[in-house]
Amino acid sequence: MSRLKDLYTIPLQTLKEGKYDEILRITKEFIEKQQMDGVYDADLNVNVHFVKQKDLHTLSLKMKGTISVACDRCLDIFQLPIQMDQDMVVKVGEKDDELADAENVIVIAPDETEIGLSPIIYEMIMLSIPLKKVHKNEKDCNSNVVSYLKQKKKKNEEKTDPRWDSLKDMFKK
């Protein structure tokens, strides 16, 4: 698919029917342009496989690499490995088509000349970020922050309201 109009667009009118493959690099420039909150950098490869047919096209994206995010435990920036695959059907038709609301189906008007991949890649990145983003090993976290958190936790455990002490063992068998 070396005929991509620009980096993240598939030009439908200039492509003949057939199969096209391309590898896109996602870097900090993409992250900044898309204004992705919580993502500071990226080193991703997206393998794009596009099959153009008369009225129904298939689009397969395979993303793999790392993004820079803040650790939820120590707040240091670290490289989070992510990976995601997305298969889609691109149907030429009207926007009110019954398939327009279907998952993994993109409906485009007959007069549309291109398919923008930026929103799809943005969504793939955001959906691949786990709810809890922490260093793989606690040893990799900022040691000052981790020791501070442990001290705070210990102090909170020591402080108890004596009025509630009798209820602590209520559900233990």
Protein backbone atom coordinates (compact mmCIF):
# COMPACT_ATOMS: atom_id res chain seq x y z
CA MET A 1 0.00 0.00 0.00
CA SER A 2 2.87 2.31 -0.79
CA ARG A 3 0.27 4.53 -2.42
CA LEU A 4 -1.06 5.89 0.86
CA LYS A 5 -2.02 9.52 0.24
CA ASP A 6 -0.52 10.59 3.51
CA LEU A 7 0.73 8.51 6.38
CA TYR A 8 -2.61 7.60 7.96
CA THR A 9 -5.04 7.69 5.02
CA ILE A 10 -6.02 5.04 2.48
CA PRO A 11 -6.83 6.72 -0.87
CA LEU A 12 -9.69 4.62 -2.23
CA GLN A 13 -9.98 6.16 -5.69
CA THR A 14 -6.34 5.71 -6.65
CA LEU A 15 -6.10 2.07 -5.54
CA LYS A 16 -7.10 -0.73 -7.87
CA GLU A 17 -8.89 -3.81 -6.57
CA GLY A 18 -6.49 -6.09 -4.75
CA LYS A 19 -4.46 -6.55 -1.57
CA TYR A 20 -2.23 -3.88 -0.04
CA ASP A 21 0.12 -4.09 2.92
CA GLU A 22 1.90 -1.29 4.76
CA ILE A 23 3.69 -0.83 8.08
CA LEU A 24 2.98 2.47 9.83
CA ARG A 25 5.23 3.86 12.58
CA ILE A 26 3.49 5.59 15.45
CA THR A 27 5.73 8.01 17.33
CA LYS A 28 5.50 10.99 19.65
CA GLU A 29 4.39 13.17 16.72
CA PHE A 30 1.19 11.12 16.34
CA ILE A 31 0.55 11.20 20.10
CA GLU A 32 0.89 14.99 20.22
CA LYS A 33 -1.21 15.55 17.10
CA GLN A 34 -4.03 13.37 18.51
CA GLN A 35 -3.75 15.03 21.96
CA MET A 36 -3.72 11.69 23.77
CA ASP A 37 -4.05 12.44 27.49
CA GLY A 38 -1.78 10.31 29.68
CA VAL A 39 0.38 9.07 26.81
CA TYR A 40 3.71 10.84 26.47
CA ASP A 41 5.49 8.95 23.70
CA ALA A 42 5.09 5.92 21.47
CA ASP A 43 7.18 3.43 19.57
CA LEU A 44 4.57 1.35 17.76
CA ASN A 45 4.35 -0.49 14.48
CA VAL A 46 0.93 -0.93 12.90
CA ASN A 47 0.72 -3.54 10.16
CA VAL A 48 -2.07 -2.52 7.80
CA HIS A 49 -3.58 -5.14 5.48
CA PHE A 50 -6.22 -3.70 3.15
CA VAL A 51 -8.20 -5.67 0.57
CA LYS A 52 -10.08 -3.52 -1.92
CA GLN A 53 -13.08 -5.00 -3.70
CA LYS A 54 -16.01 -3.47 -5.54
CA ASP A 55 -18.35 -2.46 -2.69
CA LEU A 56 -16.91 -4.25 0.32
CA HIS A 57 -13.34 -3.86 1.59
CA THR A 58 -11.55 -5.49 4.50
CA LEU A 59 -9.11 -3.74 6.78
CA SER A 60 -6.88 -5.52 9.28
CA LEU A 61 -4.63 -3.64 11.71
CA LYS A 62 -2.08 -5.31 13.98
CA MET A 63 -0.41 -2.95 16.46
CA LYS A 64 2.58 -3.83 18.64
CA GLY A 65 5.15 -1.81 20.56
CA THR A 66 5.46 0.43 23.60
CA ILE A 67 3.97 3.67 24.84
CA SER A 68 5.24 5.96 27.58
CA VAL A 69 2.79 6.43 30.45
CA ALA A 70 2.97 7.41 34.12
CA CYS A 71 3.11 4.60 36.66
CA ASP A 72 0.03 4.64 38.89
CA ARG A 73 2.17 3.58 41.86
CA CYS A 74 5.16 5.95 41.70
CA LEU A 75 4.22 8.46 38.94
CA ASP A 76 7.48 7.87 37.01
CA ILE A 77 7.18 7.61 33.24
CA PHE A 78 7.82 4.09 31.94
CA GLN A 79 7.53 2.07 28.72
CA LEU A 80 4.32 0.02 28.68
CA PRO A 81 4.22 -2.77 26.09
CA ILE A 82 0.91 -2.92 24.23
CA GLN A 83 -0.50 -5.08 21.49
CA MET A 84 -3.85 -5.15 19.72
CA ASP A 85 -5.43 -6.52 16.55
CA GLN A 86 -8.45 -5.00 14.82
CA ASP A 87 -10.30 -6.45 11.83
CA MET A 88 -12.88 -4.29 10.11
CA VAL A 89 -15.19 -4.36 7.14
CA VAL A 90 -15.48 -1.21 5.05
CA LYS A 91 -18.83 -1.13 3.24
CA VAL A 92 -19.73 1.35 0.55
CA GLY A 93 -23.28 2.53 1.21
CA GLU A 94 -25.35 5.17 2.94
CA LYS A 95 -24.70 6.38 6.50
CA ASP A 96 -28.19 5.25 7.57
CA ASP A 97 -27.39 1.70 6.46
CA GLU A 98 -28.40 -0.91 9.06
CA LEU A 99 -24.75 -1.96 9.36
CA ALA A 100 -23.64 1.59 10.21
CA ASP A 101 -24.02 0.91 13.95
CA ALA A 102 -22.45 -2.54 13.83
CA GLU A 103 -19.18 -3.13 15.60
CA ASN A 104 -16.11 -3.37 13.35
CA VAL A 105 -18.02 -2.07 10.32
CA ILE A 106 -17.25 1.26 8.68
CA VAL A 107 -19.86 2.51 6.24
CA ILE A 108 -18.60 5.06 3.74
CA ALA A 109 -20.54 7.03 1.14
CA PRO A 110 -19.97 6.08 -2.52
CA ASP A 111 -18.39 9.48 -3.16
CA GLU A 112 -15.84 9.25 -0.30
CA THR A 113 -12.31 9.13 -1.62
CA GLU A 114 -10.33 7.98 1.41
CA ILE A 115 -10.39 6.15 4.73
CA GLY A 116 -8.72 7.90 7.65
CA LEU A 117 -6.80 5.52 9.90
CA SER A 118 -5.87 8.05 12.62
CA PRO A 119 -9.12 7.69 14.63
CA ILE A 120 -8.92 3.90 14.41
CA ILE A 121 -5.28 3.84 15.58
CA TYR A 122 -6.10 6.35 18.36
CA GLU A 123 -8.90 4.11 19.58
CA MET A 124 -6.71 1.00 19.42
CA ILE A 125 -4.01 2.66 21.54
CA MET A 126 -6.46 3.95 24.13
CA LEU A 127 -8.28 0.61 24.40
CA SER A 128 -5.03 -1.30 24.85
CA ILE A 129 -3.98 0.70 27.92
CA PRO A 130 -4.80 -1.30 31.06
CA LEU A 131 -6.80 0.27 33.90
CA LYS A 132 -3.84 -0.11 36.24
CA LYS A 133 -0.58 1.06 34.71
CA VAL A 134 2.34 0.05 36.94
CA HIS A 135 5.92 -1.06 36.47
CA LYS A 136 6.15 -4.79 35.94
CA ASN A 137 8.30 -5.11 39.07
CA GLU A 138 7.88 -2.90 42.13
CA LYS A 139 11.70 -2.69 42.21
CA ASP A 140 11.55 -0.56 39.05
CA CYS A 141 9.37 2.05 40.76
CA ASN A 142 10.77 5.18 42.35
CA SER A 143 12.09 3.83 45.68
CA ASN A 144 11.41 7.08 47.58
CA VAL A 145 7.75 7.09 46.61
CA VAL A 146 7.28 3.38 47.32
CA SER A 147 8.84 3.66 50.80
CA TYR A 148 6.68 6.73 51.52
CA LEU A 149 3.53 4.84 50.48
CA LYS A 150 4.47 1.88 52.67
CA GLN A 151 4.99 4.17 55.67
CA LYS A 152 1.63 5.86 55.09
CA LYS A 153 -0.11 2.50 54.79
CA LYS A 154 1.50 1.27 58.00
CA LYS A 155 0.44 4.43 59.88
CA ASN A 156 -3.13 4.10 58.60
CA GLU A 157 -3.29 0.48 59.71
CA GLU A 158 -2.05 1.39 63.18
CA LYS A 159 -4.66 4.10 63.67
CA THR A 160 -8.01 2.59 64.44
CA ASP A 161 -11.06 3.89 66.17
CA PRO A 162 -11.58 1.70 69.27
CA ARG A 163 -15.34 1.92 68.79
CA TRP A 164 -15.02 -0.21 65.63
CA ASP A 165 -12.50 -2.77 66.96
CA SER A 166 -15.20 -5.15 68.16
CA LEU A 167 -16.72 -5.29 64.64
CA LYS A 168 -13.44 -6.31 62.93
CA ASP A 169 -13.89 -9.98 63.73
CA MET A 170 -17.59 -10.04 62.96
CA PHE A 171 -17.31 -11.90 59.63
CA LYS A 172 -14.39 -14.17 60.51
CA LYS A 173 -15.27 -17.79 61.10
